Amino acid sequence: MQRSRTTVAIEVSILIGLLAIDVFAQESAQERAANLRSQLIETQAKQAELQTHLQQLEQDLEPENIERSLAGVGSTHPEELREQRRRQLEIQKRGLESQLEVLTASRTRLEAAVARADTESYRESAGVGPGGRQPRIRKAAAAASNGVHRPRKHRVNKRRAILRSANQHLGTKK
C-alpha cells in the first residue's frame, strides 16, 4: 500500500505530539495547559482538513464522477478502469478514516490532559496540594523545625484520683 506524503507527515506529527506530552511533565501546570491547548488546536485543524479530504473522496467515489474522471482515457475495457479507480479511491478513503480515528483518539486524550493541567494549574495558584487539600504543617513538626519544644502535659491518673477521693470520703489513708 502506497502512502502519500501528507499521510506520513500527519502520522509523524501525531507521534511527536504524543511524545511531547511526556516532556511537559517538567513544566509548570499553566505552561503545560497552554502547550496542550495549542496541540489540541493543531489536532482539530488536521482533523477538519482530513474530514474535508474525506468528503471529496466520497464525492469522487460516486459512479458518475468515476466515469467523468476517466472520460479522456480510451480503453477496450472501460469497466476494468472504472473498477480500478474505485478500488484506488476506496483504499485512500480507508486510510483517511484510520487517520481520523487516530486523530479523534489523540484529541480525546489531549482534551483530558488539558482538563487535568487546568485543574493542576488552579491548585498551584490556590496553593492547594495534591488530593485537593491545603498543605498543613503540624504544630509539633513546626515547633521542632523551629528548635522550640513544647512541654508535655502529664496525664492525671484517673484511677489514683478516684481512689484518693474515695479514701478521703471514708476517712482512711493509704
Protein backbone atom coordinates (compact mmCIF):
# COMPACT_ATOMS: atom_id res chain seq x y z
CA MET A 1 0.00 0.00 0.00
CA GLN A 2 1.43 3.32 -1.05
CA ARG A 3 1.15 6.23 1.40
CA SER A 4 1.10 9.85 0.45
CA ARG A 5 3.45 12.41 1.93
CA THR A 6 0.67 14.10 3.87
CA THR A 7 -0.32 10.78 5.40
CA VAL A 8 3.21 10.13 6.63
CA ALA A 9 3.57 13.74 7.81
CA ILE A 10 0.34 13.52 9.80
CA GLU A 11 1.33 10.22 11.40
CA VAL A 12 4.75 11.58 12.34
CA SER A 13 3.25 14.76 13.79
CA ILE A 14 0.79 12.69 15.85
CA LEU A 15 3.62 10.59 17.26
CA ILE A 16 5.66 13.69 18.03
CA GLY A 17 2.63 15.20 19.75
CA LEU A 18 2.14 12.12 21.89
CA LEU A 19 5.81 12.06 22.84
CA ALA A 20 5.74 15.76 23.62
CA ILE A 21 3.10 15.16 26.27
CA ASP A 22 5.72 13.38 28.41
CA VAL A 23 8.14 16.31 28.07
CA PHE A 24 5.57 18.69 29.52
CA ALA A 25 5.69 16.92 32.86
CA GLN A 26 8.65 19.11 33.81
CA GLU A 27 6.92 22.41 33.07
CA SER A 28 4.54 24.35 35.23
CA ALA A 29 0.87 23.48 35.02
CA GLN A 30 -0.01 26.75 33.24
CA GLU A 31 2.66 26.22 30.59
CA ARG A 32 1.56 22.61 30.19
CA ALA A 33 -2.07 23.67 29.76
CA ALA A 34 -1.12 26.28 27.15
CA ASN A 35 1.03 23.81 25.21
CA LEU A 36 -1.67 21.16 25.35
CA ARG A 37 -4.24 23.68 24.09
CA SER A 38 -2.02 24.55 21.11
CA GLN A 39 -1.61 20.84 20.35
CA LEU A 40 -5.37 20.43 20.61
CA ILE A 41 -5.92 23.29 18.14
CA GLU A 42 -3.43 21.71 15.72
CA THR A 43 -5.15 18.35 16.06
CA GLN A 44 -8.55 19.92 15.43
CA ALA A 45 -7.22 21.68 12.33
CA LYS A 46 -5.73 18.43 10.99
CA GLN A 47 -8.98 16.66 11.75
CA ALA A 48 -11.00 19.28 9.83
CA GLU A 49 -8.58 19.05 6.89
CA LEU A 50 -8.87 15.26 6.78
CA GLN A 51 -12.66 15.41 7.01
CA THR A 52 -12.74 17.80 4.05
CA HIS A 53 -10.49 15.46 2.08
CA LEU A 54 -12.70 12.51 3.06
CA GLN A 55 -15.80 14.33 1.80
CA GLN A 56 -14.02 14.99 -1.51
CA LEU A 57 -13.12 11.31 -1.80
CA GLU A 58 -16.73 10.30 -1.13
CA GLN A 59 -17.82 12.58 -3.96
CA ASP A 60 -15.14 11.13 -6.23
CA LEU A 61 -16.42 7.62 -5.45
CA GLU A 62 -19.82 8.33 -6.99
CA PRO A 63 -20.15 6.31 -10.23
CA GLU A 64 -20.77 9.35 -12.47
CA ASN A 65 -17.66 11.09 -11.06
CA ILE A 66 -15.53 7.99 -11.67
CA GLU A 67 -16.77 7.90 -15.27
CA ARG A 68 -16.12 11.62 -15.64
CA SER A 69 -12.54 11.24 -14.35
CA LEU A 70 -11.87 8.52 -16.95
CA ALA A 71 -13.66 10.26 -19.85
CA GLY A 72 -10.43 11.21 -21.64
CA VAL A 73 -8.89 7.75 -21.28
CA GLY A 74 -9.58 5.31 -24.10
CA SER A 75 -9.67 1.60 -23.39
CA THR A 76 -11.16 -1.58 -24.75
CA HIS A 77 -12.22 -2.48 -21.18
CA PRO A 78 -13.54 0.73 -19.55
CA GLU A 79 -15.31 -1.23 -16.79
CA GLU A 80 -11.93 -2.53 -15.56
CA LEU A 81 -10.57 1.03 -15.48
CA ARG A 82 -13.61 2.21 -13.51
CA GLU A 83 -13.25 -0.67 -11.03
CA GLN A 84 -9.53 0.02 -10.63
CA ARG A 85 -10.23 3.72 -9.99
CA ARG A 86 -12.97 2.84 -7.49
CA ARG A 87 -10.62 0.46 -5.60
CA GLN A 88 -7.90 3.12 -5.53
CA LEU A 89 -10.33 5.68 -4.10
CA GLU A 90 -11.62 3.15 -1.53
CA ILE A 91 -8.07 2.49 -0.33
CA GLN A 92 -7.45 6.22 0.07
CA LYS A 93 -10.75 6.56 1.92
CA ARG A 94 -9.89 3.77 4.38
CA GLY A 95 -6.50 5.37 5.00
CA LEU A 96 -8.13 8.72 5.76
CA GLU A 97 -10.69 7.09 8.03
CA SER A 98 -7.98 5.36 10.05
CA GLN A 99 -6.07 8.64 10.34
CA LEU A 100 -9.26 10.34 11.53
CA GLU A 101 -9.73 7.63 14.17
CA VAL A 102 -6.17 8.19 15.41
CA LEU A 103 -6.71 11.95 15.49
CA THR A 104 -10.01 11.53 17.33
CA ALA A 105 -8.34 9.39 19.99
CA SER A 106 -5.49 11.89 20.22
CA ARG A 107 -7.96 14.75 20.52
CA THR A 108 -9.80 12.98 23.33
CA ARG A 109 -6.54 12.39 25.21
CA LEU A 110 -5.49 16.00 24.69
CA GLU A 111 -8.83 17.32 25.95
CA ALA A 112 -8.49 15.20 29.09
CA ALA A 113 -4.87 16.32 29.54
CA VAL A 114 -5.91 19.98 29.18
CA ALA A 115 -8.58 19.49 31.85
CA ARG A 116 -6.04 17.87 34.20
CA ALA A 117 -3.48 20.61 33.54
CA ASP A 118 -6.12 23.30 34.19
CA THR A 119 -7.04 21.63 37.48
CA GLU A 120 -3.39 21.36 38.46
CA SER A 121 -2.80 24.98 37.46
CA TYR A 122 -5.72 26.07 39.62
CA ARG A 123 -4.38 24.07 42.53
CA GLU A 124 -0.93 25.59 42.11
CA SER A 125 -2.36 29.10 42.02
CA ALA A 126 -4.59 28.45 45.03
CA GLY A 127 -1.77 26.82 46.97
CA VAL A 128 -3.69 23.59 47.28
CA GLY A 129 -1.67 20.41 47.47
CA PRO A 130 -2.41 17.10 45.80
CA GLY A 131 -5.67 15.46 46.74
CA GLY A 132 -7.48 18.80 46.98
CA ARG A 133 -6.26 19.64 50.48
CA GLN A 134 -4.36 22.66 51.50
CA PRO A 135 -0.93 21.71 52.85
CA ARG A 136 -0.84 21.85 56.63
CA ILE A 137 2.10 21.94 58.95
CA ARG A 138 1.65 20.10 62.17
CA LYS A 139 2.28 22.26 65.20
CA ALA A 140 4.70 19.80 66.75
CA ALA A 141 6.60 19.45 63.48
CA ALA A 142 6.69 23.21 63.02
CA ALA A 143 7.89 23.74 66.59
CA ALA A 144 10.53 21.05 66.22
CA SER A 145 11.76 22.57 62.98
CA ASN A 146 12.00 25.96 64.70
CA GLY A 147 14.02 24.46 67.56
CA VAL A 148 11.29 25.24 70.10
CA HIS A 149 9.97 22.32 72.11
CA ARG A 150 6.57 22.28 73.63
CA PRO A 151 6.40 20.92 77.17
CA ARG A 152 4.44 17.70 77.51
CA LYS A 153 1.40 17.66 79.66
CA HIS A 154 1.26 14.84 82.12
CA ARG A 155 -1.89 12.87 82.27
CA VAL A 156 -3.60 12.63 85.57
CA ASN A 157 -4.03 9.07 86.56
CA LYS A 158 -7.79 8.88 86.94
CA ARG A 159 -7.71 5.69 88.91
CA ARG A 160 -5.48 7.21 91.60
CA ALA A 161 -7.64 10.32 91.76
CA ILE A 162 -10.77 8.23 92.27
CA LEU A 163 -9.12 6.12 94.96
CA ARG A 164 -7.84 9.20 96.76
CA SER A 165 -11.26 10.84 96.79
CA ALA A 166 -12.89 7.62 97.99
CA ASN A 167 -10.32 7.24 100.78
CA GLN A 168 -10.81 10.80 101.87
CA HIS A 169 -14.52 10.29 101.94
CA LEU A 170 -14.19 7.18 104.03
CA GLY A 171 -11.57 8.76 106.24
CA THR A 172 -8.81 6.27 105.63
CA LYS A 173 -5.37 6.92 104.29
CA LYS A 174 -3.40 4.76 102.07
